[in-house]
């Protein structure tokens, strides 16, 4: 199949209220992770490693820390016009208003889509920890002749109410989609789990533009999960891509494959960090075949004066005196 022309719109304006105080001075995608990275580095690394190099990062809430990180850590060369990672704050091109939802953020930047004129638009969030080969989702989208593809994965039924819950037929076509239902429906034959959206979408350009313009004419939440996808699945070819089938090179036998975590709460953020530790971590950051990229650290190395440490990662610039870490 010929290579599609793909443009990525990365949604990076989230406030991350449940991560306070980590988000007191920065947006959720700018929160540090793993002693070296920012949360946004994971989605950007997935696109770059997939060879998709045309990316707009839509920012809004307390974005200075994120903008500075993107400026110093993500500076692709300027020799090829279609290779860029550009920050897009609200431009108020449609009136004196900020982004009113994640769908409105893309709507207010339709001119960027029109100018680039892609075959497909990838709309991905910037607030999850994971590795993903986006090309495999693109191939699924092409094979199904889909208008929209939603990345999805099974989770315990008790957790499903925090996500958009999908029901599909045997071919993966979406039959129902409910955002954060109070009583999520379980998988057929698996009463303990439900399929949920990861907040990552792949659209045919025409489908996305038509859906956003129609949504703008209505009084809605202007949100992909709450309004755009529920409105589309009854009349368009909307499919769910099973993230469980996604494979990236370089994973160790002991790793959880594929790994994906929503780190929207302090407890989830802490638990994801615990997944980095041990002789056989669930998520091993050491993978030269699918690296998580970030900017160079400009500062002193870690300095350990004295202490007792076990099963810990020490970030650069740390100074530890008479410390015990277990």
Protein backbone atom coordinates (compact mmCIF):
# COMPACT_ATOMS: atom_id res chain seq x y z
CA UNK A 1 0.00 0.00 0.00
CA UNK A 2 1.32 3.50 -0.77
CA UNK A 3 2.49 5.59 2.14
CA UNK A 4 -0.21 7.93 3.35
CA UNK A 5 0.54 11.59 3.95
CA UNK A 6 0.02 11.91 7.70
CA UNK A 7 -0.20 14.97 9.94
CA UNK A 8 -0.23 14.60 13.72
CA UNK A 9 -2.09 16.98 16.01
CA UNK A 10 -0.86 16.37 19.57
CA UNK A 11 -3.28 17.51 22.30
CA UNK A 12 -1.04 18.96 25.01
CA UNK A 13 -3.17 21.56 26.76
CA UNK A 14 -4.39 19.48 29.68
CA UNK A 15 -4.51 21.00 33.16
CA UNK A 16 -3.98 17.75 35.04
CA UNK A 17 -5.99 18.83 38.11
CA UNK A 18 -5.68 15.41 39.74
CA UNK A 19 -1.87 15.64 39.52
CA UNK A 20 -1.69 18.81 41.61
CA UNK A 21 0.74 20.00 43.01
CA UNK A 22 2.87 18.61 40.17
CA UNK A 23 0.81 20.74 37.78
CA UNK A 24 0.87 23.90 39.86
CA UNK A 25 3.31 25.58 37.48
CA UNK A 26 3.04 23.47 34.33
CA UNK A 27 0.63 21.51 32.18
CA UNK A 28 0.26 17.76 32.57
CA UNK A 29 2.35 16.90 29.46
CA UNK A 30 5.25 18.91 30.91
CA UNK A 31 5.35 16.98 34.20
CA UNK A 32 8.70 15.15 34.63
CA UNK A 33 8.75 11.38 34.48
CA UNK A 34 11.40 8.77 35.10
CA UNK A 35 14.05 11.19 36.32
CA UNK A 36 14.91 12.38 32.81
CA UNK A 37 11.83 12.79 30.64
CA UNK A 38 8.62 14.79 30.39
CA UNK A 39 5.34 12.98 29.81
CA UNK A 40 5.03 14.54 26.34
CA UNK A 41 8.28 12.82 25.28
CA UNK A 42 6.53 9.46 25.04
CA UNK A 43 3.98 10.35 22.37
CA UNK A 44 6.54 12.39 20.42
CA UNK A 45 9.04 9.52 20.54
CA UNK A 46 6.38 7.13 19.24
CA UNK A 47 5.73 9.31 16.21
CA UNK A 48 9.39 9.97 15.48
CA UNK A 49 10.27 6.29 15.88
CA UNK A 50 7.38 5.49 13.52
CA UNK A 51 8.82 7.83 10.90
CA UNK A 52 5.89 10.28 11.15
CA UNK A 53 7.65 13.61 11.36
CA UNK A 54 4.98 16.26 10.72
CA UNK A 55 3.66 17.22 14.15
CA UNK A 56 1.80 20.15 15.65
CA UNK A 57 1.66 20.29 19.46
CA UNK A 58 -1.44 22.19 20.64
CA UNK A 59 -0.79 23.87 23.99
CA UNK A 60 -2.81 26.11 26.31
CA UNK A 61 -2.74 25.71 30.11
CA UNK A 62 0.45 27.00 31.83
CA UNK A 63 2.38 26.14 28.71
CA UNK A 64 5.70 27.95 29.25
CA UNK A 65 7.49 24.97 30.78
CA UNK A 66 6.26 22.74 27.96
CA UNK A 67 7.17 25.25 25.25
CA UNK A 68 10.69 25.62 26.62
CA UNK A 69 11.12 21.85 26.79
CA UNK A 70 9.94 21.39 23.20
CA UNK A 71 12.22 24.19 22.03
CA UNK A 72 15.33 22.68 23.61
CA UNK A 73 14.57 18.95 23.30
CA UNK A 74 12.69 18.65 20.02
CA UNK A 75 14.34 20.62 17.23
CA UNK A 76 14.14 18.69 13.95
CA UNK A 77 16.22 19.91 11.03
CA UNK A 78 14.81 22.49 8.66
CA UNK A 79 16.06 21.03 5.37
CA UNK A 80 12.86 19.07 4.67
CA UNK A 81 9.73 21.26 4.91
CA UNK A 82 7.45 18.38 5.94
CA UNK A 83 9.63 17.47 8.94
CA UNK A 84 8.67 19.67 11.89
CA UNK A 85 7.51 19.66 15.50
CA UNK A 86 5.79 23.01 15.98
CA UNK A 87 4.07 24.42 19.06
CA UNK A 88 0.62 25.92 18.49
CA UNK A 89 -0.90 28.04 21.29
CA UNK A 90 -4.45 29.40 20.84
CA UNK A 91 -4.50 31.89 17.96
CA UNK A 92 -8.12 33.08 18.42
CA UNK A 93 -8.64 32.90 14.65
CA UNK A 94 -12.34 32.11 15.14
CA UNK A 95 -13.02 34.74 17.80
CA UNK A 96 -11.81 35.86 21.20
CA UNK A 97 -11.90 32.48 22.90
CA UNK A 98 -9.47 29.90 24.17
CA UNK A 99 -9.68 26.24 23.23
CA UNK A 100 -13.07 25.12 24.59
CA UNK A 101 -12.30 21.40 24.39
CA UNK A 102 -9.87 19.10 22.63
CA UNK A 103 -12.00 19.00 19.47
CA UNK A 104 -12.24 22.79 19.47
CA UNK A 105 -8.44 22.96 19.71
CA UNK A 106 -8.19 21.11 16.41
CA UNK A 107 -11.09 23.10 14.91
CA UNK A 108 -9.34 26.40 15.66
CA UNK A 109 -6.33 25.12 13.71
CA UNK A 110 -8.07 23.70 10.64
CA UNK A 111 -6.02 26.09 8.54
CA UNK A 112 -2.93 24.06 9.42
CA UNK A 113 -4.64 20.90 8.18
CA UNK A 114 -5.82 22.66 5.02
CA UNK A 115 -2.32 23.97 4.32
CA UNK A 116 -0.63 20.59 4.84
CA UNK A 117 -3.44 18.69 3.10
CA UNK A 118 -2.76 15.23 4.57
CA UNK A 119 -4.53 12.01 3.70
CA UNK A 120 -4.80 11.15 7.39
CA UNK A 121 -4.79 13.20 10.58
CA UNK A 122 -3.59 11.54 13.78
CA UNK A 123 -5.10 13.18 16.87
CA UNK A 124 -3.22 11.86 19.90
CA UNK A 125 -3.08 12.85 23.55
CA UNK A 126 0.17 13.83 25.26
CA UNK A 127 -0.42 12.51 28.75
CA UNK A 128 0.22 8.76 28.72
CA UNK A 129 3.26 6.54 29.27
CA UNK A 130 3.64 3.95 26.53
CA UNK A 131 5.44 2.72 23.43
CA UNK A 132 3.50 2.34 20.18
CA UNK A 133 4.29 1.81 16.52
CA UNK A 134 1.75 4.17 14.95
CA UNK A 135 2.31 2.61 11.52
CA UNK A 136 0.56 -0.57 12.65
CA UNK A 137 -2.54 1.45 13.50
CA UNK A 138 -2.29 3.17 10.10
CA UNK A 139 -2.10 -0.22 8.34
CA UNK A 140 -5.21 -1.40 10.23
CA UNK A 141 -7.01 1.81 9.24
CA UNK A 142 -6.16 1.27 5.58
CA UNK A 143 -7.08 -2.42 5.56
CA UNK A 144 -10.53 -1.68 7.00
CA UNK A 145 -11.18 1.29 4.73
CA UNK A 146 -11.96 3.22 7.91
CA UNK A 147 -13.06 6.83 8.21
CA UNK A 148 -11.95 6.87 11.85
CA UNK A 149 -9.85 4.47 13.89
CA UNK A 150 -9.76 4.58 17.69
CA UNK A 151 -6.84 3.00 19.55
CA UNK A 152 -8.32 0.78 22.27
CA UNK A 153 -7.31 -1.73 24.89
CA UNK A 154 -9.00 -3.91 27.52
CA UNK A 155 -8.95 -2.79 31.16
CA UNK A 156 -10.52 -4.18 34.34
CA UNK A 157 -14.22 -3.38 34.42
CA UNK A 158 -13.77 -1.47 37.70
CA UNK A 159 -11.49 1.02 35.91
CA UNK A 160 -13.45 1.33 32.66
CA UNK A 161 -15.69 4.13 33.89
CA UNK A 162 -12.73 6.53 33.70
CA UNK A 163 -12.50 6.10 29.91
CA UNK A 164 -14.58 5.97 26.77
CA UNK A 165 -15.99 2.44 26.53
CA UNK A 166 -16.41 0.75 23.15
CA UNK A 167 -18.41 -2.17 21.82
CA UNK A 168 -17.29 -3.69 18.50
CA UNK A 169 -18.21 -6.45 16.09
CA UNK A 170 -15.82 -9.26 15.17
CA UNK A 171 -14.09 -7.12 12.55
CA UNK A 172 -13.43 -4.28 14.99
CA UNK A 173 -16.16 -1.93 13.76
CA UNK A 174 -17.47 0.24 16.58
CA UNK A 175 -21.11 -0.46 17.44
CA UNK A 176 -21.32 1.73 20.53
CA UNK A 177 -19.17 4.33 22.28
CA UNK A 178 -19.95 5.91 25.64
CA UNK A 179 -17.58 8.33 27.35
CA UNK A 180 -17.03 7.55 31.05
CA UNK A 181 -20.23 5.55 31.62
CA UNK A 182 -21.49 4.97 35.14
CA UNK A 183 -22.13 1.30 34.32
CA UNK A 184 -19.67 0.20 31.62
CA UNK A 185 -20.52 -2.92 29.64
CA UNK A 186 -18.06 -5.78 29.79
CA UNK A 187 -16.49 -7.67 26.91
CA UNK A 188 -18.52 -10.59 25.54
CA UNK A 189 -17.32 -13.70 27.30
CA UNK A 190 -15.08 -11.68 29.63
CA UNK A 191 -17.23 -10.16 32.40
CA UNK A 192 -14.25 -8.72 34.26
CA UNK A 193 -12.97 -6.44 31.50
CA UNK A 194 -14.13 -3.76 29.05
CA UNK A 195 -12.62 -2.21 25.93
CA UNK A 196 -11.71 1.44 26.36
CA UNK A 197 -10.41 4.23 24.18
CA UNK A 198 -6.81 5.36 24.67
CA UNK A 199 -7.67 8.87 23.43
CA UNK A 200 -5.69 8.33 20.21
CA UNK A 201 -7.54 8.72 16.93
CA UNK A 202 -6.79 8.41 13.23
CA UNK A 203 -9.08 10.28 10.81
CA UNK A 204 -9.49 10.62 7.10
CA UNK A 205 -8.96 14.32 6.57
CA UNK A 206 -12.41 14.85 5.05
CA UNK A 207 -14.15 12.99 7.87
CA UNK A 208 -12.36 15.03 10.54
CA UNK A 209 -13.06 18.39 8.92
CA UNK A 210 -16.75 17.62 8.37
CA UNK A 211 -17.18 16.35 11.93
CA UNK A 212 -15.47 19.37 13.50
CA UNK A 213 -17.47 21.88 11.46
CA UNK A 214 -20.73 20.11 12.34
CA UNK A 215 -19.79 20.02 16.03
CA UNK A 216 -18.93 23.72 16.00
CA UNK A 217 -22.50 24.56 14.99
CA UNK A 218 -23.89 22.86 18.09
CA UNK A 219 -23.75 23.57 21.81
CA UNK A 220 -21.57 20.64 22.91
CA UNK A 221 -18.49 19.88 25.00
CA UNK A 222 -16.43 20.00 21.78
CA UNK A 223 -14.67 16.85 22.89
CA UNK A 224 -13.62 13.87 20.78
CA UNK A 225 -14.70 11.30 23.33
CA UNK A 226 -17.92 12.99 24.44
CA UNK A 227 -19.30 14.25 21.12
CA UNK A 228 -17.21 13.64 17.98
CA UNK A 229 -16.82 9.83 18.12
CA UNK A 230 -20.33 9.13 19.51
CA UNK A 231 -21.78 11.24 16.68
CA UNK A 232 -19.70 9.53 13.99
CA UNK A 233 -19.93 5.80 14.70
CA UNK A 234 -23.60 5.35 13.66
CA UNK A 235 -23.01 6.84 10.19
CA UNK A 236 -19.30 6.49 9.40
CA UNK A 237 -16.85 3.60 9.25
CA UNK A 238 -15.42 3.83 12.77
CA UNK A 239 -13.12 1.00 13.85
CA UNK A 240 -11.24 0.13 17.04
CA UNK A 241 -7.58 -0.79 16.71
CA UNK A 242 -6.56 -3.36 19.31
CA UNK A 243 -3.46 -1.95 21.00
CA UNK A 244 -2.75 -5.41 22.41
CA UNK A 245 -1.57 -6.39 18.92
CA UNK A 246 0.93 -3.56 18.67
CA UNK A 247 4.55 -4.68 18.65
CA UNK A 248 7.66 -2.56 18.97
CA UNK A 249 11.21 -3.88 18.63
CA UNK A 250 13.65 -4.27 21.48
CA UNK A 251 11.28 -5.32 24.27
CA UNK A 252 12.71 -7.64 26.90
CA UNK A 253 10.98 -10.97 27.65
CA UNK A 254 10.04 -9.78 31.14
CA UNK A 255 8.36 -6.53 30.06
CA UNK A 256 4.62 -6.02 29.94
CA UNK A 257 3.79 -5.91 26.25
CA UNK A 258 2.33 -3.67 25.16
CA UNK A 259 2.67 -1.26 28.09
CA UNK A 260 0.32 1.72 28.48
CA UNK A 261 -0.51 3.76 31.57
CA UNK A 262 -2.76 6.73 32.19
CA UNK A 263 -0.89 8.76 34.81
CA UNK A 264 -3.72 11.17 35.53
CA UNK A 265 -3.63 10.79 39.32
CA UNK A 266 -0.80 10.96 41.84
CA UNK A 267 -1.25 7.28 42.69
CA UNK A 268 -1.18 6.23 39.01
CA UNK A 269 1.87 8.44 38.46
CA UNK A 270 3.65 6.78 41.39
CA UNK A 271 2.67 3.28 40.28
CA UNK A 272 4.00 3.93 36.77
CA UNK A 273 7.32 4.95 38.31
CA UNK A 274 7.39 1.70 40.28
CA UNK A 275 7.03 -0.13 36.96
CA UNK A 276 10.47 1.22 35.97
CA UNK A 277 12.25 -0.46 38.88
CA UNK A 278 13.65 -3.87 39.66
CA UNK A 279 15.86 -6.29 37.78
CA UNK A 280 12.98 -7.06 35.44
CA UNK A 281 10.87 -3.88 35.19
CA UNK A 282 7.46 -3.94 33.57
CA UNK A 283 8.54 -0.97 31.44
CA UNK A 284 12.26 -0.86 30.68
CA UNK A 285 13.41 2.58 29.54
CA UNK A 286 16.60 1.05 28.14
CA UNK A 287 15.58 0.18 24.57
CA UNK A 288 17.91 1.31 21.81
CA UNK A 289 15.54 -0.03 19.13
CA UNK A 290 12.61 2.15 20.27
CA UNK A 291 14.18 4.88 22.39
CA UNK A 292 12.25 7.43 24.41
CA UNK A 293 13.87 10.66 23.35
CA UNK A 294 14.31 13.88 25.28
CA UNK A 295 16.61 16.87 25.44
CA UNK A 296 20.15 16.94 26.79
CA UNK A 297 20.43 17.71 30.49
CA UNK A 298 22.58 20.77 31.18
CA UNK A 299 23.75 20.46 34.76
CA UNK A 300 25.83 18.46 37.21
CA UNK A 301 25.60 14.67 37.51
CA UNK A 302 23.98 12.96 40.45
CA UNK A 303 26.14 13.12 43.61
CA UNK A 304 25.78 10.57 46.38
CA UNK A 305 27.63 11.48 49.59
CA UNK A 306 26.33 8.64 51.72
CA UNK A 307 23.27 6.50 51.93
CA UNK A 308 21.58 3.17 51.57
CA UNK A 309 19.87 2.58 48.23
CA UNK A 310 18.00 -0.33 46.75
CA UNK A 311 15.86 -0.58 43.62
CA UNK A 312 15.98 3.13 42.76
CA UNK A 313 16.64 5.40 39.81
CA UNK A 314 18.63 8.53 40.68
CA UNK A 315 18.05 11.50 38.40
CA UNK A 316 20.87 13.71 37.16
CA UNK A 317 21.56 16.70 39.40
CA UNK A 318 20.44 14.90 42.57
CA UNK A 319 22.41 15.39 45.79
CA UNK A 320 21.90 12.62 48.34
CA UNK A 321 23.27 12.78 51.89
CA UNK A 322 22.58 10.20 54.58
CA UNK A 323 19.57 9.00 52.59
CA UNK A 324 17.80 5.69 52.60
CA UNK A 325 15.84 4.73 49.49
CA UNK A 326 14.07 1.40 49.19
